Amino acid sequence: MNRKKKINKILGKKMRKANAKLAPKSTKPVYISKANRAAADAAELIEATAEGKE
């Protein structure tokens, strides 16, 4: 690889890393496993029944 190409490759790599760091984070929601969803639903159900009894 000639000198110019090598330098351009290195600088391009640095630029891509810098741009990736500045890019906005994904708005995709965080994954919640099926077991965690079931536990959360059960907790909400318990709270709802507790409020209904009072």
C-alpha atoms as a PDB file:
ATOM      1  CA  MET A   1       0.000   0.000   0.000  1.00  0.00           C
ATOM      2  CA  ASN A   2       1.438   3.381  -0.848  1.00  0.00           C
ATOM      3  CA  ARG A   3       1.926   6.079   1.751  1.00  0.00           C
ATOM      4  CA  LYS A   4      -1.004   8.325   0.695  1.00  0.00           C
ATOM      5  CA  LYS A   5      -3.483   5.471   0.657  1.00  0.00           C
ATOM      6  CA  LYS A   6      -2.342   4.259   4.069  1.00  0.00           C
ATOM      7  CA  ILE A   7      -2.675   7.720   5.628  1.00  0.00           C
ATOM      8  CA  ASN A   8      -6.103   8.255   4.062  1.00  0.00           C
ATOM      9  CA  LYS A   9      -7.249   4.873   5.371  1.00  0.00           C
ATOM     10  CA  ILE A  10      -6.124   5.702   8.918  1.00  0.00           C
ATOM     11  CA  LEU A  11      -7.674   9.186   8.854  1.00  0.00           C
ATOM     12  CA  GLY A  12     -10.905   7.823   7.401  1.00  0.00           C
ATOM     13  CA  LYS A  13     -11.111   5.252  10.164  1.00  0.00           C
ATOM     14  CA  LYS A  14     -10.629   7.951  12.832  1.00  0.00           C
ATOM     15  CA  MET A  15     -13.297  10.113  11.175  1.00  0.00           C
ATOM     16  CA  ARG A  16     -15.807   7.251  11.089  1.00  0.00           C
ATOM     17  CA  LYS A  17     -15.213   6.545  14.791  1.00  0.00           C
ATOM     18  CA  ALA A  18     -15.682  10.227  15.683  1.00  0.00           C
ATOM     19  CA  ASN A  19     -18.890  10.462  13.641  1.00  0.00           C
ATOM     20  CA  ALA A  20     -20.234   7.293  15.219  1.00  0.00           C
ATOM     21  CA  LYS A  21     -19.610   8.738  18.671  1.00  0.00           C
ATOM     22  CA  LEU A  22     -21.512  11.936  17.804  1.00  0.00           C
ATOM     23  CA  ALA A  23     -24.413  10.129  16.136  1.00  0.00           C
ATOM     24  CA  PRO A  24     -27.653  10.065  18.119  1.00  0.00           C
ATOM     25  CA  LYS A  25     -28.373   6.917  20.063  1.00  0.00           C
ATOM     26  CA  SER A  26     -30.986   4.516  18.793  1.00  0.00           C
ATOM     27  CA  THR A  27     -34.591   5.225  19.771  1.00  0.00           C
ATOM     28  CA  LYS A  28     -35.295   1.505  19.757  1.00  0.00           C
ATOM     29  CA  PRO A  29     -36.851   0.421  23.077  1.00  0.00           C
ATOM     30  CA  VAL A  30     -34.794  -1.785  25.369  1.00  0.00           C
ATOM     31  CA  TYR A  31     -35.581  -5.501  25.069  1.00  0.00           C
ATOM     32  CA  ILE A  32     -37.517  -6.961  27.998  1.00  0.00           C
ATOM     33  CA  SER A  33     -37.551 -10.732  28.247  1.00  0.00           C
ATOM     34  CA  LYS A  34     -40.778 -12.691  28.410  1.00  0.00           C
ATOM     35  CA  ALA A  35     -40.094 -13.702  32.037  1.00  0.00           C
ATOM     36  CA  ASN A  36     -39.508 -10.085  33.093  1.00  0.00           C
ATOM     37  CA  ARG A  37     -42.696  -8.966  31.320  1.00  0.00           C
ATOM     38  CA  ALA A  38     -44.676 -11.692  33.094  1.00  0.00           C
ATOM     39  CA  ALA A  39     -43.214 -10.669  36.469  1.00  0.00           C
ATOM     40  CA  ALA A  40     -44.059  -7.003  35.827  1.00  0.00           C
ATOM     41  CA  ASP A  41     -47.626  -7.908  34.806  1.00  0.00           C
ATOM     42  CA  ALA A  42     -48.025 -10.018  37.951  1.00  0.00           C
ATOM     43  CA  ALA A  43     -46.777  -7.150  40.129  1.00  0.00           C
ATOM     44  CA  GLU A  44     -49.243  -4.744  38.489  1.00  0.00           C
ATOM     45  CA  LEU A  45     -52.056  -7.231  39.020  1.00  0.00           C
ATOM     46  CA  ILE A  46     -51.196  -7.565  42.711  1.00  0.00           C
ATOM     47  CA  GLU A  47     -51.112  -3.773  43.131  1.00  0.00           C
ATOM     48  CA  ALA A  48     -54.454  -3.409  41.345  1.00  0.00           C
ATOM     49  CA  THR A  49     -56.112  -6.003  43.573  1.00  0.00           C
ATOM     50  CA  ALA A  50     -54.616  -4.401  46.689  1.00  0.00           C
ATOM     51  CA  GLU A  51     -56.040  -1.014  45.695  1.00  0.00           C
ATOM     52  CA  GLY A  52     -59.451  -2.535  45.023  1.00  0.00           C
ATOM     53  CA  LYS A  53     -59.643  -4.102  48.515  1.00  0.00           C
ATOM     54  CA  GLU A  54     -58.911  -0.842  50.329  1.00  0.00           C
END
